[in-house]
PDB file of N, CA and C in Angstrom:
ATOM      1  N   UNK A   1      24.674  15.819   4.554  1.00  0.00           N
ATOM      2  CA  UNK A   1      25.536  14.817   4.438  1.00  0.00           C
ATOM      3  C   UNK A   1      27.189  15.633   4.574  1.00  0.00           C
ATOM      4  N   UNK A   2      28.263  15.695   5.002  1.00  0.00           N
ATOM      5  CA  UNK A   2      29.559  16.496   4.982  1.00  0.00           C
ATOM      6  C   UNK A   2      30.098  16.007   3.126  1.00  0.00           C
ATOM      7  N   UNK A   3      30.594  17.118   3.220  1.00  0.00           N
ATOM      8  CA  UNK A   3      31.432  17.556   1.478  1.00  0.00           C
ATOM      9  C   UNK A   3      32.438  16.491   1.800  1.00  0.00           C
ATOM     10  N   UNK A   4      32.964  15.835   2.698  1.00  0.00           N
ATOM     11  CA  UNK A   4      34.180  14.904   2.995  1.00  0.00           C
ATOM     12  C   UNK A   4      34.061  13.222   2.277  1.00  0.00           C
ATOM     13  N   UNK A   5      32.422  13.504   3.061  1.00  0.00           N
ATOM     14  CA  UNK A   5      32.220  11.990   2.909  1.00  0.00           C
ATOM     15  C   UNK A   5      31.610  11.068   1.639  1.00  0.00           C
ATOM     16  N   UNK A   6      32.675  10.350   1.524  1.00  0.00           N
ATOM     17  CA  UNK A   6      32.508   9.909   0.259  1.00  0.00           C
ATOM     18  C   UNK A   6      31.688   8.750   0.062  1.00  0.00           C
ATOM     19  N   UNK A   7      30.657   8.100  -1.139  1.00  0.00           N
ATOM     20  CA  UNK A   7      30.249   7.450  -1.421  1.00  0.00           C
ATOM     21  C   UNK A   7      30.688   6.668  -2.641  1.00  0.00           C
ATOM     22  N   UNK A   8      30.155   5.519  -1.865  1.00  0.00           N
ATOM     23  CA  UNK A   8      30.516   4.546  -3.513  1.00  0.00           C
ATOM     24  C   UNK A   8      29.436   3.957  -4.128  1.00  0.00           C
ATOM     25  N   UNK A   9      29.282   4.003  -5.334  1.00  0.00           N
ATOM     26  CA  UNK A   9      28.504   3.601  -6.451  1.00  0.00           C
ATOM     27  C   UNK A   9      28.823   2.602  -6.910  1.00  0.00           C
ATOM     28  N   UNK A  10      27.950   0.671  -6.452  1.00  0.00           N
ATOM     29  CA  UNK A  10      28.333  -0.310  -7.315  1.00  0.00           C
ATOM     30  C   UNK A  10      27.461  -0.159  -8.398  1.00  0.00           C
ATOM     31  N   UNK A  11      28.050  -0.647  -9.555  1.00  0.00           N
ATOM     32  CA  UNK A  11      26.792  -0.496 -10.908  1.00  0.00           C
ATOM     33  C   UNK A  11      27.340  -2.562 -10.975  1.00  0.00           C
ATOM     34  N   UNK A  12      25.585  -3.299 -10.686  1.00  0.00           N
ATOM     35  CA  UNK A  12      25.216  -4.346 -11.532  1.00  0.00           C
ATOM     36  C   UNK A  12      25.414  -4.448 -12.533  1.00  0.00           C
ATOM     37  N   UNK A  13      25.853  -5.587 -13.386  1.00  0.00           N
ATOM     38  CA  UNK A  13      25.277  -6.221 -14.656  1.00  0.00           C
ATOM     39  C   UNK A  13      24.017  -6.406 -14.537  1.00  0.00           C
ATOM     40  N   UNK A  14      23.209  -7.053 -15.827  1.00  0.00           N
ATOM     41  CA  UNK A  14      22.222  -7.112 -15.972  1.00  0.00           C
ATOM     42  C   UNK A  14      21.933  -8.489 -14.924  1.00  0.00           C
ATOM     43  N   UNK A  15      22.205  -9.563 -14.970  1.00  0.00           N
ATOM     44  CA  UNK A  15      22.806 -10.938 -14.673  1.00  0.00           C
ATOM     45  C   UNK A  15      22.311 -10.455 -13.079  1.00  0.00           C
ATOM     46  N   UNK A  16      23.225 -10.107 -12.302  1.00  0.00           N
ATOM     47  CA  UNK A  16      23.014  -9.713 -10.515  1.00  0.00           C
ATOM     48  C   UNK A  16      21.976  -9.123 -10.298  1.00  0.00           C
ATOM     49  N   UNK A  17      21.793  -8.108 -11.121  1.00  0.00           N
ATOM     50  CA  UNK A  17      20.444  -7.206 -11.355  1.00  0.00           C
ATOM     51  C   UNK A  17      18.865  -7.682 -10.829  1.00  0.00           C
ATOM     52  N   UNK A  18      18.771  -8.676 -11.708  1.00  0.00           N
ATOM     53  CA  UNK A  18      18.116  -9.457 -12.180  1.00  0.00           C
ATOM     54  C   UNK A  18      18.002 -10.612 -11.277  1.00  0.00           C
ATOM     55  N   UNK A  19      18.859 -11.177 -10.592  1.00  0.00           N
ATOM     56  CA  UNK A  19      18.749 -12.220  -9.817  1.00  0.00           C
ATOM     57  C   UNK A  19      18.317 -11.896  -8.227  1.00  0.00           C
ATOM     58  N   UNK A  20      18.845 -10.556  -8.276  1.00  0.00           N
ATOM     59  CA  UNK A  20      18.246 -10.221  -6.819  1.00  0.00           C
ATOM     60  C   UNK A  20      16.762  -9.675  -6.461  1.00  0.00           C
ATOM     61  N   UNK A  21      15.826  -9.836  -7.296  1.00  0.00           N
ATOM     62  CA  UNK A  21      14.454  -9.792  -7.298  1.00  0.00           C
ATOM     63  C   UNK A  21      14.275 -11.108  -6.515  1.00  0.00           C
ATOM     64  N   UNK A  22      13.127 -11.659  -5.916  1.00  0.00           N
ATOM     65  CA  UNK A  22      12.557 -12.412  -5.619  1.00  0.00           C
ATOM     66  C   UNK A  22      10.755 -12.277  -5.774  1.00  0.00           C
ATOM     67  N   UNK A  23      10.282 -13.539  -6.205  1.00  0.00           N
ATOM     68  CA  UNK A  23       8.882 -13.425  -6.339  1.00  0.00           C
ATOM     69  C   UNK A  23       7.898 -12.745  -5.183  1.00  0.00           C
ATOM     70  N   UNK A  24       7.857 -12.074  -3.968  1.00  0.00           N
ATOM     71  CA  UNK A  24       7.417 -11.609  -3.234  1.00  0.00           C
ATOM     72  C   UNK A  24       8.031 -10.313  -2.490  1.00  0.00           C
ATOM     73  N   UNK A  25       8.560  -9.993  -3.865  1.00  0.00           N
ATOM     74  CA  UNK A  25       9.088  -8.058  -3.910  1.00  0.00           C
ATOM     75  C   UNK A  25       8.074  -7.259  -4.781  1.00  0.00           C
ATOM     76  N   UNK A  26       7.171  -8.346  -5.461  1.00  0.00           N
ATOM     77  CA  UNK A  26       6.371  -7.342  -6.295  1.00  0.00           C
ATOM     78  C   UNK A  26       4.829  -6.983  -5.739  1.00  0.00           C
ATOM     79  N   UNK A  27       4.352  -6.822  -6.408  1.00  0.00           N
ATOM     80  CA  UNK A  27       2.714  -6.166  -5.727  1.00  0.00           C
ATOM     81  C   UNK A  27       1.954  -7.182  -6.488  1.00  0.00           C
ATOM     82  N   UNK A  28       0.984  -7.839  -5.658  1.00  0.00           N
ATOM     83  CA  UNK A  28       0.193  -8.971  -6.348  1.00  0.00           C
ATOM     84  C   UNK A  28      -0.817  -7.956  -6.344  1.00  0.00           C
ATOM     85  N   UNK A  29      -1.607  -8.656  -8.134  1.00  0.00           N
ATOM     86  CA  UNK A  29      -2.674  -8.036  -9.151  1.00  0.00           C
ATOM     87  C   UNK A  29      -3.835  -8.241  -8.372  1.00  0.00           C
ATOM     88  N   UNK A  30      -5.085  -7.406  -8.533  1.00  0.00           N
ATOM     89  CA  UNK A  30      -6.291  -7.856  -7.685  1.00  0.00           C
ATOM     90  C   UNK A  30      -6.558  -8.656  -9.060  1.00  0.00           C
ATOM     91  N   UNK A  31      -7.548  -9.452  -8.529  1.00  0.00           N
ATOM     92  CA  UNK A  31      -8.758 -10.522  -8.389  1.00  0.00           C
ATOM     93  C   UNK A  31      -9.684  -9.631 -10.067  1.00  0.00           C
ATOM     94  N   UNK A  32     -10.651 -10.267 -10.160  1.00  0.00           N
ATOM     95  CA  UNK A  32     -11.928  -9.844 -10.717  1.00  0.00           C
ATOM     96  C   UNK A  32     -13.153 -10.092  -9.427  1.00  0.00           C
ATOM     97  N   UNK A  33     -12.591 -10.467  -8.720  1.00  0.00           N
ATOM     98  CA  UNK A  33     -13.711 -10.278  -7.655  1.00  0.00           C
ATOM     99  C   UNK A  33     -13.341  -8.558  -7.007  1.00  0.00           C
ATOM    100  N   UNK A  34     -12.271  -8.912  -6.495  1.00  0.00           N
ATOM    101  CA  UNK A  34     -11.933  -7.562  -5.854  1.00  0.00           C
ATOM    102  C   UNK A  34     -12.037  -5.926  -7.118  1.00  0.00           C
ATOM    103  N   UNK A  35     -11.733  -6.622  -8.121  1.00  0.00           N
ATOM    104  CA  UNK A  35     -12.222  -5.096  -9.173  1.00  0.00           C
ATOM    105  C   UNK A  35     -13.381  -5.061  -9.166  1.00  0.00           C
ATOM    106  N   UNK A  36     -14.432  -5.898  -9.116  1.00  0.00           N
ATOM    107  CA  UNK A  36     -15.754  -5.522  -8.921  1.00  0.00           C
ATOM    108  C   UNK A  36     -15.954  -4.856  -8.333  1.00  0.00           C
ATOM    109  N   UNK A  37     -16.279  -5.503  -6.587  1.00  0.00           N
ATOM    110  CA  UNK A  37     -16.084  -4.650  -5.221  1.00  0.00           C
ATOM    111  C   UNK A  37     -15.804  -3.781  -5.125  1.00  0.00           C
ATOM    112  N   UNK A  38     -14.293  -2.888  -5.852  1.00  0.00           N
ATOM    113  CA  UNK A  38     -14.261  -1.973  -6.228  1.00  0.00           C
ATOM    114  C   UNK A  38     -14.659  -0.891  -7.080  1.00  0.00           C
ATOM    115  N   UNK A  39     -15.791  -0.742  -7.798  1.00  0.00           N
ATOM    116  CA  UNK A  39     -17.001  -0.447  -8.443  1.00  0.00           C
ATOM    117  C   UNK A  39     -17.920  -0.301  -8.427  1.00  0.00           C
ATOM    118  N   UNK A  40     -18.421  -1.174  -7.357  1.00  0.00           N
ATOM    119  CA  UNK A  40     -19.922  -1.666  -7.077  1.00  0.00           C
ATOM    120  C   UNK A  40     -20.013  -0.688  -5.601  1.00  0.00           C
ATOM    121  N   UNK A  41     -20.939   0.220  -6.540  1.00  0.00           N
ATOM    122  CA  UNK A  41     -21.703   1.316  -5.933  1.00  0.00           C
ATOM    123  C   UNK A  41     -21.914   1.189  -4.737  1.00  0.00           C
ATOM    124  N   UNK A  42     -22.935  -0.030  -4.870  1.00  0.00           N
ATOM    125  CA  UNK A  42     -23.705   0.030  -2.929  1.00  0.00           C
ATOM    126  C   UNK A  42     -22.659  -0.312  -2.046  1.00  0.00           C
ATOM    127  N   UNK A  43     -21.727  -1.404  -2.470  1.00  0.00           N
ATOM    128  CA  UNK A  43     -20.551  -1.768  -1.549  1.00  0.00           C
ATOM    129  C   UNK A  43     -19.541  -0.857  -0.977  1.00  0.00           C
ATOM    130  N   UNK A  44     -19.405   0.563  -1.863  1.00  0.00           N
ATOM    131  CA  UNK A  44     -18.681   1.577  -1.475  1.00  0.00           C
ATOM    132  C   UNK A  44     -19.545   2.228  -0.383  1.00  0.00           C
ATOM    133  N   UNK A  45     -21.325   2.115  -0.887  1.00  0.00           N
ATOM    134  CA  UNK A  45     -21.533   3.510  -0.053  1.00  0.00           C
ATOM    135  C   UNK A  45     -21.890   2.635   1.684  1.00  0.00           C
ATOM    136  N   UNK A  46     -21.699   1.474   1.188  1.00  0.00           N
ATOM    137  CA  UNK A  46     -21.827   0.400   2.709  1.00  0.00           C
ATOM    138  C   UNK A  46     -20.919   0.493   3.667  1.00  0.00           C
ATOM    139  N   UNK A  47     -19.797   0.440   2.803  1.00  0.00           N
ATOM    140  CA  UNK A  47     -18.464   1.156   3.744  1.00  0.00           C
ATOM    141  C   UNK A  47     -18.072   2.025   4.061  1.00  0.00           C
ATOM    142  N   UNK A  48     -18.781   3.155   3.047  1.00  0.00           N
ATOM    143  CA  UNK A  48     -18.460   4.910   3.434  1.00  0.00           C
ATOM    144  C   UNK A  48     -19.180   4.936   4.854  1.00  0.00           C
ATOM    145  N   UNK A  49     -20.465   4.200   5.078  1.00  0.00           N
ATOM    146  CA  UNK A  49     -21.425   4.045   5.891  1.00  0.00           C
ATOM    147  C   UNK A  49     -20.810   3.698   7.442  1.00  0.00           C
ATOM    148  N   UNK A  50     -20.333   2.283   6.992  1.00  0.00           N
ATOM    149  CA  UNK A  50     -19.433   1.502   8.172  1.00  0.00           C
ATOM    150  C   UNK A  50     -18.451   2.444   8.558  1.00  0.00           C
ATOM    151  N   UNK A  51     -17.095   2.786   8.133  1.00  0.00           N
ATOM    152  CA  UNK A  51     -16.674   3.522   8.371  1.00  0.00           C
ATOM    153  C   UNK A  51     -17.050   4.916   9.218  1.00  0.00           C
ATOM    154  N   UNK A  52     -17.874   5.512   8.839  1.00  0.00           N
ATOM    155  CA  UNK A  52     -18.091   6.945   9.428  1.00  0.00           C
ATOM    156  C   UNK A  52     -18.416   6.790  10.634  1.00  0.00           C
ATOM    157  N   UNK A  53     -19.375   5.303  10.839  1.00  0.00           N
ATOM    158  CA  UNK A  53     -20.073   5.349  12.094  1.00  0.00           C
ATOM    159  C   UNK A  53     -19.019   4.887  13.227  1.00  0.00           C
ATOM    160  N   UNK A  54     -18.141   3.897  12.504  1.00  0.00           N
ATOM    161  CA  UNK A  54     -16.600   3.363  13.695  1.00  0.00           C
ATOM    162  C   UNK A  54     -15.938   4.943  13.955  1.00  0.00           C
ATOM    163  N   UNK A  55     -15.605   5.569  12.668  1.00  0.00           N
ATOM    164  CA  UNK A  55     -15.249   7.476  13.364  1.00  0.00           C
ATOM    165  C   UNK A  55     -15.915   7.928  14.562  1.00  0.00           C
ATOM    166  N   UNK A  56     -17.265   8.132  14.338  1.00  0.00           N
ATOM    167  CA  UNK A  56     -18.075   8.996  15.239  1.00  0.00           C
ATOM    168  C   UNK A  56     -18.181   8.228  16.552  1.00  0.00           C
ATOM    169  N   UNK A  57     -18.484   7.101  16.407  1.00  0.00           N
ATOM    170  CA  UNK A  57     -18.146   6.001  17.951  1.00  0.00           C
ATOM    171  C   UNK A  57     -16.611   6.603  18.670  1.00  0.00           C
ATOM    172  N   UNK A  58     -15.525   6.441  17.710  1.00  0.00           N
ATOM    173  CA  UNK A  58     -14.336   6.680  18.592  1.00  0.00           C
ATOM    174  C   UNK A  58     -14.348   8.077  19.203  1.00  0.00           C
ATOM    175  N   UNK A  59     -15.189   9.050  18.189  1.00  0.00           N
ATOM    176  CA  UNK A  59     -14.636  10.284  18.683  1.00  0.00           C
ATOM    177  C   UNK A  59     -15.737  10.768  19.535  1.00  0.00           C
ATOM    178  N   UNK A  60     -16.795  10.354  19.773  1.00  0.00           N
ATOM    179  CA  UNK A  60     -17.588  10.162  21.319  1.00  0.00           C
ATOM    180  C   UNK A  60     -16.968   9.325  22.519  1.00  0.00           C
ATOM    181  N   UNK A  61     -15.981   8.067  22.220  1.00  0.00           N
ATOM    182  CA  UNK A  61     -15.779   7.677  23.191  1.00  0.00           C
ATOM    183  C   UNK A  61     -14.188   8.645  23.735  1.00  0.00           C
ATOM    184  N   UNK A  62     -13.674   9.446  22.644  1.00  0.00           N
ATOM    185  CA  UNK A  62     -12.772  10.618  23.445  1.00  0.00           C
ATOM    186  C   UNK A  62     -13.118  11.783  24.158  1.00  0.00           C
ATOM    187  N   UNK A  63     -14.311  11.913  24.069  1.00  0.00           N
ATOM    188  CA  UNK A  63     -15.178  13.300  24.680  1.00  0.00           C
ATOM    189  C   UNK A  63     -15.446  13.001  25.709  1.00  0.00           C
ATOM    190  N   UNK A  64     -15.569  11.491  26.034  1.00  0.00           N
ATOM    191  CA  UNK A  64     -16.077  11.146  27.287  1.00  0.00           C
ATOM    192  C   UNK A  64     -15.068  11.586  28.576  1.00  0.00           C
TER     193      UNK A  64
END
């Protein structure tokens, strides 16, 4: 950025700032089902194996 360029700063008041957010702007929180499977070791092991198999298939296809 050149030094001659000017940057304007707009300061919003609290009401304008809060009204600029919509419901879709925030991250969804995980439910109990999702939290359970994130901590459930057998499921994580199955996912790990499945992802590795998919990677190996892609690598073998690229070496042909």
